[in-house]
Amino acid sequence: MLTIDTATAADRADLAARMVQADRDELQAAGVGMDCLNVPAQALRWDGQLVCLFGVMPMPAEEGAGIPWMLCTDTLATVPRRAMARISAEVVGRWRHGHHRLINLVHRHNDQALRFLRWLGFSISDTPTGPGDAFLVFTWERPNV
């Protein structure tokens, strides 16, 4: 069973010890250290085991915009895809109610993350950007209707 609660210091240490290689590679390419974990976060657990830490940070330069992020442990591989898809869609749906725009970068070679972001309804730029042009921008914007 998947559950969500507030991340603890122990969760941050667990993530640092068991982070999937693709997320380690992404942090390294961005020039970001493990101190990035010192932000408000939620913890997703599968039968009590930490799957990931995630959250959405306010964008300082744009009121109502958010920066979604997620870093996973090796437990992710044990979570049924449908269960992960369902809870992820619920979380992103809540974020969309609280923000007019969601935007961040994803490593352009992280195929699993790119597929997942597209499935969640994010648009992904084709133009490499960020450190070493190793990233692509992903966004979601509330339609102006």
N, C-alpha and C. Protein backbone atom coordinates (compact mmCIF):
# COMPACT_ATOMS: atom_id res chain seq x y z
N MET A 1 0.84 -1.18 0.00
CA MET A 1 0.00 0.00 0.00
C MET A 1 0.89 1.25 0.00
N LEU A 2 0.54 2.21 -0.83
CA LEU A 2 1.26 3.47 -0.89
C LEU A 2 0.66 4.46 0.10
N THR A 3 1.54 5.14 0.84
CA THR A 3 1.11 6.17 1.77
C THR A 3 2.01 7.39 1.60
N ILE A 4 1.48 8.55 1.96
CA ILE A 4 2.23 9.80 1.89
C ILE A 4 2.18 10.45 3.26
N ASP A 5 3.35 10.91 3.71
CA ASP A 5 3.41 11.72 4.92
C ASP A 5 4.56 12.71 4.81
N THR A 6 4.74 13.52 5.83
CA THR A 6 5.81 14.52 5.82
C THR A 6 7.16 13.84 5.96
N ALA A 7 8.11 14.26 5.15
CA ALA A 7 9.45 13.68 5.19
C ALA A 7 10.16 14.07 6.48
N THR A 8 10.94 13.13 6.99
CA THR A 8 11.72 13.34 8.21
C THR A 8 13.21 13.36 7.87
N ALA A 9 14.02 13.68 8.86
CA ALA A 9 15.47 13.63 8.69
C ALA A 9 15.91 12.21 8.35
N ALA A 10 15.27 11.21 8.95
CA ALA A 10 15.61 9.82 8.66
C ALA A 10 15.28 9.47 7.21
N ASP A 11 14.17 10.02 6.69
CA ASP A 11 13.82 9.80 5.28
C ASP A 11 14.87 10.40 4.35
N ARG A 12 15.35 11.58 4.70
CA ARG A 12 16.37 12.24 3.88
C ARG A 12 17.66 11.42 3.85
N ALA A 13 18.01 10.87 5.00
CA ALA A 13 19.22 10.03 5.07
C ALA A 13 19.02 8.74 4.28
N ASP A 14 17.83 8.15 4.38
CA ASP A 14 17.52 6.93 3.64
C ASP A 14 17.60 7.19 2.13
N LEU A 15 17.01 8.30 1.69
CA LEU A 15 17.08 8.65 0.27
C LEU A 15 18.53 8.84 -0.18
N ALA A 16 19.31 9.54 0.60
CA ALA A 16 20.71 9.78 0.24
C ALA A 16 21.47 8.46 0.09
N ALA A 17 21.14 7.49 0.92
CA ALA A 17 21.84 6.19 0.88
C ALA A 17 21.36 5.29 -0.25
N ARG A 18 20.08 5.43 -0.67
CA ARG A 18 19.51 4.48 -1.62
C ARG A 18 18.94 5.13 -2.88
N MET A 19 19.39 6.33 -3.20
CA MET A 19 18.87 7.04 -4.37
C MET A 19 19.19 6.27 -5.65
N VAL A 20 18.24 6.21 -6.57
CA VAL A 20 18.47 5.55 -7.85
C VAL A 20 19.55 6.30 -8.62
N GLN A 21 20.29 5.57 -9.44
CA GLN A 21 21.43 6.16 -10.14
C GLN A 21 21.02 7.30 -11.07
N ALA A 22 19.88 7.17 -11.72
CA ALA A 22 19.45 8.23 -12.65
C ALA A 22 19.27 9.55 -11.91
N ASP A 23 18.74 9.50 -10.69
CA ASP A 23 18.58 10.73 -9.91
C ASP A 23 19.93 11.25 -9.41
N ARG A 24 20.82 10.36 -9.02
CA ARG A 24 22.18 10.78 -8.64
C ARG A 24 22.86 11.48 -9.82
N ASP A 25 22.74 10.88 -11.01
CA ASP A 25 23.34 11.45 -12.21
C ASP A 25 22.76 12.84 -12.50
N GLU A 26 21.46 12.98 -12.32
CA GLU A 26 20.80 14.26 -12.60
C GLU A 26 21.30 15.34 -11.64
N LEU A 27 21.40 15.01 -10.36
CA LEU A 27 21.90 15.98 -9.38
C LEU A 27 23.34 16.37 -9.70
N GLN A 28 24.15 15.38 -10.06
CA GLN A 28 25.55 15.67 -10.39
C GLN A 28 25.64 16.57 -11.62
N ALA A 29 24.85 16.27 -12.65
CA ALA A 29 24.88 17.08 -13.87
C ALA A 29 24.42 18.51 -13.59
N ALA A 30 23.52 18.68 -12.63
CA ALA A 30 23.02 20.00 -12.29
C ALA A 30 23.98 20.74 -11.35
N GLY A 31 24.97 20.01 -10.82
CA GLY A 31 25.89 20.63 -9.88
C GLY A 31 25.25 20.86 -8.52
N VAL A 32 24.28 20.01 -8.19
CA VAL A 32 23.54 20.13 -6.94
C VAL A 32 23.97 19.02 -6.00
N GLY A 33 24.25 19.37 -4.76
CA GLY A 33 24.63 18.37 -3.77
C GLY A 33 23.44 17.86 -2.99
N MET A 34 23.71 17.00 -2.04
CA MET A 34 22.64 16.41 -1.23
C MET A 34 21.98 17.43 -0.32
N ASP A 35 22.56 18.62 -0.19
CA ASP A 35 21.92 19.66 0.60
C ASP A 35 20.59 20.09 -0.01
N CYS A 36 20.34 19.70 -1.26
CA CYS A 36 19.06 20.02 -1.89
C CYS A 36 17.90 19.33 -1.17
N LEU A 37 18.22 18.34 -0.34
CA LEU A 37 17.17 17.63 0.39
C LEU A 37 16.65 18.42 1.59
N ASN A 38 17.25 19.55 1.88
CA ASN A 38 16.85 20.35 3.03
C ASN A 38 15.73 21.33 2.67
N VAL A 39 14.72 20.84 2.01
CA VAL A 39 13.55 21.63 1.64
C VAL A 39 12.31 20.87 2.12
N PRO A 40 11.19 21.58 2.28
CA PRO A 40 9.96 20.87 2.65
C PRO A 40 9.67 19.76 1.64
N ALA A 41 9.33 18.58 2.14
CA ALA A 41 9.12 17.43 1.26
C ALA A 41 8.08 16.49 1.85
N GLN A 42 7.49 15.73 0.96
CA GLN A 42 6.61 14.63 1.33
C GLN A 42 7.37 13.33 1.07
N ALA A 43 7.01 12.31 1.82
CA ALA A 43 7.62 11.00 1.65
C ALA A 43 6.55 10.03 1.16
N LEU A 44 6.84 9.33 0.08
CA LEU A 44 5.96 8.29 -0.43
C LEU A 44 6.54 6.95 -0.01
N ARG A 45 5.70 6.11 0.59
CA ARG A 45 6.15 4.80 1.08
C ARG A 45 5.32 3.68 0.48
N TRP A 46 5.99 2.57 0.23
CA TRP A 46 5.34 1.34 -0.23
C TRP A 46 5.54 0.32 0.88
N ASP A 47 4.43 -0.06 1.52
CA ASP A 47 4.49 -0.99 2.65
C ASP A 47 5.55 -0.58 3.66
N GLY A 48 5.61 0.72 3.95
CA GLY A 48 6.52 1.24 4.96
C GLY A 48 7.91 1.60 4.47
N GLN A 49 8.28 1.18 3.26
CA GLN A 49 9.61 1.46 2.71
C GLN A 49 9.57 2.76 1.90
N LEU A 50 10.57 3.61 2.10
CA LEU A 50 10.62 4.87 1.38
C LEU A 50 10.80 4.63 -0.12
N VAL A 51 9.90 5.20 -0.91
CA VAL A 51 9.97 5.14 -2.38
C VAL A 51 10.63 6.40 -2.91
N CYS A 52 10.18 7.55 -2.42
CA CYS A 52 10.73 8.82 -2.92
C CYS A 52 10.38 9.95 -1.97
N LEU A 53 11.11 11.02 -2.13
CA LEU A 53 10.75 12.31 -1.54
C LEU A 53 10.34 13.19 -2.71
N PHE A 54 9.37 14.05 -2.48
CA PHE A 54 8.88 14.90 -3.56
C PHE A 54 8.24 16.14 -2.97
N GLY A 55 8.04 17.11 -3.85
CA GLY A 55 7.37 18.33 -3.43
C GLY A 55 7.23 19.29 -4.58
N VAL A 56 6.69 20.44 -4.25
CA VAL A 56 6.60 21.54 -5.22
C VAL A 56 6.98 22.81 -4.46
N MET A 57 8.03 23.44 -4.93
CA MET A 57 8.54 24.66 -4.30
C MET A 57 7.95 25.87 -5.02
N PRO A 58 7.66 26.95 -4.26
CA PRO A 58 7.20 28.16 -4.95
C PRO A 58 8.32 28.74 -5.80
N MET A 59 7.96 29.27 -6.94
CA MET A 59 8.94 29.91 -7.82
C MET A 59 9.09 31.35 -7.34
N PRO A 60 10.29 31.72 -6.89
CA PRO A 60 10.47 33.05 -6.32
C PRO A 60 10.11 34.20 -7.26
N ALA A 61 10.38 34.05 -8.54
CA ALA A 61 10.18 35.15 -9.49
C ALA A 61 8.78 35.22 -10.07
N GLU A 62 7.91 34.26 -9.72
CA GLU A 62 6.59 34.24 -10.36
C GLU A 62 5.54 33.70 -9.39
N GLU A 63 4.74 34.59 -8.87
CA GLU A 63 3.70 34.20 -7.93
C GLU A 63 2.74 33.21 -8.58
N GLY A 64 2.40 32.15 -7.86
CA GLY A 64 1.46 31.15 -8.36
C GLY A 64 2.09 30.06 -9.20
N ALA A 65 3.41 30.17 -9.46
CA ALA A 65 4.11 29.13 -10.22
C ALA A 65 4.86 28.24 -9.22
N GLY A 66 5.03 26.98 -9.59
CA GLY A 66 5.71 26.04 -8.71
C GLY A 66 6.75 25.23 -9.44
N ILE A 67 7.69 24.72 -8.65
CA ILE A 67 8.78 23.90 -9.17
C ILE A 67 8.62 22.49 -8.60
N PRO A 68 8.04 21.57 -9.38
CA PRO A 68 7.85 20.21 -8.88
C PRO A 68 9.15 19.42 -8.96
N TRP A 69 9.34 18.51 -8.00
CA TRP A 69 10.55 17.69 -7.99
C TRP A 69 10.25 16.35 -7.32
N MET A 70 11.08 15.36 -7.64
CA MET A 70 10.97 14.04 -7.04
C MET A 70 12.32 13.35 -7.16
N LEU A 71 12.75 12.73 -6.06
CA LEU A 71 13.97 11.92 -6.05
C LEU A 71 13.61 10.58 -5.45
N CYS A 72 14.03 9.49 -6.11
CA CYS A 72 13.56 8.15 -5.77
C CYS A 72 14.65 7.27 -5.17
N THR A 73 14.20 6.31 -4.37
CA THR A 73 15.06 5.24 -3.86
C THR A 73 14.89 4.01 -4.74
N ASP A 74 15.71 3.01 -4.48
CA ASP A 74 15.61 1.76 -5.22
C ASP A 74 14.31 1.00 -4.95
N THR A 75 13.55 1.40 -3.94
CA THR A 75 12.24 0.78 -3.68
C THR A 75 11.27 1.03 -4.81
N LEU A 76 11.49 2.08 -5.59
CA LEU A 76 10.60 2.39 -6.71
C LEU A 76 10.40 1.19 -7.62
N ALA A 77 11.43 0.40 -7.83
CA ALA A 77 11.35 -0.75 -8.73
C ALA A 77 10.36 -1.81 -8.24
N THR A 78 9.99 -1.79 -6.96
CA THR A 78 9.08 -2.80 -6.41
C THR A 78 7.62 -2.34 -6.41
N VAL A 79 7.39 -1.07 -6.71
CA VAL A 79 6.03 -0.52 -6.66
C VAL A 79 5.31 -0.83 -7.96
N PRO A 80 4.11 -1.41 -7.89
CA PRO A 80 3.35 -1.64 -9.12
C PRO A 80 3.11 -0.33 -9.88
N ARG A 81 3.30 -0.38 -11.19
CA ARG A 81 3.18 0.84 -12.01
C ARG A 81 1.83 1.51 -11.87
N ARG A 82 0.78 0.74 -11.84
CA ARG A 82 -0.56 1.33 -11.73
C ARG A 82 -0.73 2.09 -10.43
N ALA A 83 -0.23 1.52 -9.34
CA ALA A 83 -0.34 2.20 -8.05
C ALA A 83 0.46 3.50 -8.07
N MET A 84 1.66 3.47 -8.63
CA MET A 84 2.49 4.67 -8.70
C MET A 84 1.85 5.70 -9.62
N ALA A 85 1.30 5.26 -10.72
CA ALA A 85 0.64 6.18 -11.66
C ALA A 85 -0.56 6.85 -11.01
N ARG A 86 -1.36 6.07 -10.30
CA ARG A 86 -2.57 6.61 -9.69
C ARG A 86 -2.24 7.68 -8.64
N ILE A 87 -1.31 7.37 -7.75
CA ILE A 87 -1.01 8.34 -6.69
C ILE A 87 -0.28 9.55 -7.26
N SER A 88 0.55 9.37 -8.26
CA SER A 88 1.26 10.49 -8.89
C SER A 88 0.28 11.43 -9.57
N ALA A 89 -0.69 10.88 -10.27
CA ALA A 89 -1.71 11.71 -10.93
C ALA A 89 -2.51 12.50 -9.90
N GLU A 90 -2.82 11.88 -8.76
CA GLU A 90 -3.54 12.59 -7.69
C GLU A 90 -2.72 13.75 -7.15
N VAL A 91 -1.45 13.51 -6.88
CA VAL A 91 -0.57 14.55 -6.35
C VAL A 91 -0.43 15.70 -7.35
N VAL A 92 -0.15 15.39 -8.59
CA VAL A 92 0.02 16.43 -9.60
C VAL A 92 -1.29 17.19 -9.79
N GLY A 93 -2.41 16.51 -9.70
CA GLY A 93 -3.71 17.19 -9.78
C GLY A 93 -3.89 18.22 -8.67
N ARG A 94 -3.45 17.88 -7.46
CA ARG A 94 -3.52 18.84 -6.35
C ARG A 94 -2.60 20.03 -6.62
N TRP A 95 -1.41 19.75 -7.13
CA TRP A 95 -0.48 20.84 -7.45
C TRP A 95 -1.09 21.78 -8.49
N ARG A 96 -1.78 21.22 -9.45
CA ARG A 96 -2.37 22.05 -10.52
C ARG A 96 -3.47 22.96 -9.98
N HIS A 97 -4.16 22.52 -8.93
CA HIS A 97 -5.18 23.37 -8.33
C HIS A 97 -4.56 24.55 -7.60
N GLY A 98 -3.34 24.38 -7.12
CA GLY A 98 -2.69 25.43 -6.35
C GLY A 98 -1.72 26.30 -7.12
N HIS A 99 -1.51 25.98 -8.37
CA HIS A 99 -0.53 26.73 -9.19
C HIS A 99 -1.09 26.95 -10.59
N HIS A 100 -0.74 28.08 -11.18
CA HIS A 100 -1.14 28.31 -12.57
C HIS A 100 -0.11 27.74 -13.53
N ARG A 101 1.12 27.51 -13.00
CA ARG A 101 2.17 26.94 -13.85
C ARG A 101 3.10 26.11 -12.99
N LEU A 102 3.53 24.97 -13.54
CA LEU A 102 4.54 24.10 -12.94
C LEU A 102 5.68 23.99 -13.94
N ILE A 103 6.93 24.15 -13.45
CA ILE A 103 8.07 24.14 -14.36
C ILE A 103 9.33 23.67 -13.63
N ASN A 104 10.13 22.87 -14.32
CA ASN A 104 11.43 22.45 -13.80
C ASN A 104 12.25 21.87 -14.95
N LEU A 105 13.42 21.35 -14.60
CA LEU A 105 14.30 20.71 -15.58
C LEU A 105 14.36 19.22 -15.31
N VAL A 106 14.58 18.46 -16.36
CA VAL A 106 14.79 17.01 -16.27
C VAL A 106 15.99 16.67 -17.15
N HIS A 107 16.80 15.73 -16.70
CA HIS A 107 17.96 15.34 -17.50
C HIS A 107 17.46 14.76 -18.81
N ARG A 108 18.04 15.22 -19.91
CA ARG A 108 17.51 14.83 -21.23
C ARG A 108 17.75 13.37 -21.57
N HIS A 109 18.60 12.66 -20.82
CA HIS A 109 18.84 11.24 -21.07
C HIS A 109 18.09 10.33 -20.08
N ASN A 110 17.29 10.91 -19.21
CA ASN A 110 16.52 10.12 -18.25
C ASN A 110 15.18 9.74 -18.91
N ASP A 111 15.24 8.71 -19.75
CA ASP A 111 14.07 8.31 -20.54
C ASP A 111 12.87 7.94 -19.68
N GLN A 112 13.10 7.27 -18.56
CA GLN A 112 11.99 6.88 -17.69
C GLN A 112 11.28 8.13 -17.15
N ALA A 113 12.05 9.11 -16.69
CA ALA A 113 11.45 10.34 -16.17
C ALA A 113 10.72 11.10 -17.28
N LEU A 114 11.31 11.16 -18.45
CA LEU A 114 10.66 11.86 -19.57
C LEU A 114 9.32 11.22 -19.93
N ARG A 115 9.27 9.89 -20.00
CA ARG A 115 8.00 9.20 -20.30
C ARG A 115 6.97 9.49 -19.21
N PHE A 116 7.39 9.43 -17.96
CA PHE A 116 6.50 9.64 -16.83
C PHE A 116 5.95 11.07 -16.84
N LEU A 117 6.80 12.05 -17.08
CA LEU A 117 6.36 13.43 -17.12
C LEU A 117 5.35 13.66 -18.26
N ARG A 118 5.62 13.09 -19.41
CA ARG A 118 4.66 13.21 -20.53
C ARG A 118 3.33 12.58 -20.16
N TRP A 119 3.38 11.40 -19.53
CA TRP A 119 2.16 10.71 -19.13
C TRP A 119 1.37 11.57 -18.14
N LEU A 120 2.07 12.29 -17.26
CA LEU A 120 1.41 13.15 -16.28
C LEU A 120 0.86 14.44 -16.89
N GLY A 121 1.12 14.66 -18.18
CA GLY A 121 0.56 15.81 -18.86
C GLY A 121 1.48 17.02 -18.98
N PHE A 122 2.75 16.84 -18.68
CA PHE A 122 3.70 17.94 -18.84
C PHE A 122 4.16 18.01 -20.29
N SER A 123 4.44 19.23 -20.74
CA SER A 123 5.08 19.44 -22.03
C SER A 123 6.58 19.48 -21.80
N ILE A 124 7.34 18.93 -22.73
CA ILE A 124 8.79 18.90 -22.58
C ILE A 124 9.42 19.56 -23.80
N SER A 125 10.25 20.54 -23.53
CA SER A 125 10.95 21.27 -24.59
C SER A 125 11.92 20.34 -25.31
N ASP A 126 12.17 20.62 -26.57
CA ASP A 126 13.17 19.87 -27.34
C ASP A 126 14.55 20.52 -27.27
N THR A 127 14.64 21.71 -26.68
CA THR A 127 15.88 22.48 -26.67
C THR A 127 16.68 22.21 -25.40
N PRO A 128 17.87 21.62 -25.55
CA PRO A 128 18.72 21.39 -24.37
C PRO A 128 19.07 22.72 -23.68
N THR A 129 19.14 22.68 -22.36
CA THR A 129 19.41 23.87 -21.56
C THR A 129 20.11 23.47 -20.27
N GLY A 130 20.40 24.43 -19.44
CA GLY A 130 21.00 24.17 -18.14
C GLY A 130 22.47 23.81 -18.24
N PRO A 131 23.06 23.41 -17.12
CA PRO A 131 24.48 23.06 -17.10
C PRO A 131 24.83 22.01 -18.16
N GLY A 132 25.76 22.34 -19.02
CA GLY A 132 26.20 21.41 -20.05
C GLY A 132 25.14 21.07 -21.08
N ASP A 133 24.10 21.89 -21.16
CA ASP A 133 22.96 21.59 -22.05
C ASP A 133 22.45 20.16 -21.84
N ALA A 134 22.50 19.69 -20.59
CA ALA A 134 22.12 18.32 -20.28
C ALA A 134 20.65 18.17 -19.89
N PHE A 135 19.90 19.26 -19.91
CA PHE A 135 18.53 19.22 -19.39
C PHE A 135 17.52 19.70 -20.42
N LEU A 136 16.28 19.34 -20.17
CA LEU A 136 15.14 19.84 -20.93
C LEU A 136 14.16 20.45 -19.93
N VAL A 137 13.47 21.49 -20.34
CA VAL A 137 12.46 22.13 -19.49
C VAL A 137 11.15 21.36 -19.64
N PHE A 138 10.52 21.04 -18.49
CA PHE A 138 9.17 20.50 -18.55
C PHE A 138 8.22 21.47 -17.87
N THR A 139 7.03 21.63 -18.45
CA THR A 139 6.07 22.60 -17.95
C THR A 139 4.64 22.07 -18.04
N TRP A 140 3.82 22.64 -17.22
CA TRP A 140 2.37 22.54 -17.33
C TRP A 140 1.84 23.92 -17.03
N GLU A 141 0.90 24.40 -17.83
CA GLU A 141 0.27 25.70 -17.59
C GLU A 141 -1.23 25.57 -17.65
N ARG A 142 -1.89 26.24 -16.71
CA ARG A 142 -3.35 26.24 -16.71
C ARG A 142 -3.83 27.00 -17.94
N PRO A 143 -4.72 26.40 -18.69
CA PRO A 143 -5.22 27.08 -19.89
C PRO A 143 -6.00 28.35 -19.50
N ASN A 144 -5.86 29.38 -20.31
CA ASN A 144 -6.64 30.61 -20.11
C ASN A 144 -7.94 30.48 -20.88
N VAL A 145 -8.95 30.06 -20.18
CA VAL A 145 -10.25 29.85 -20.84
C VAL A 145 -11.22 30.88 -20.38
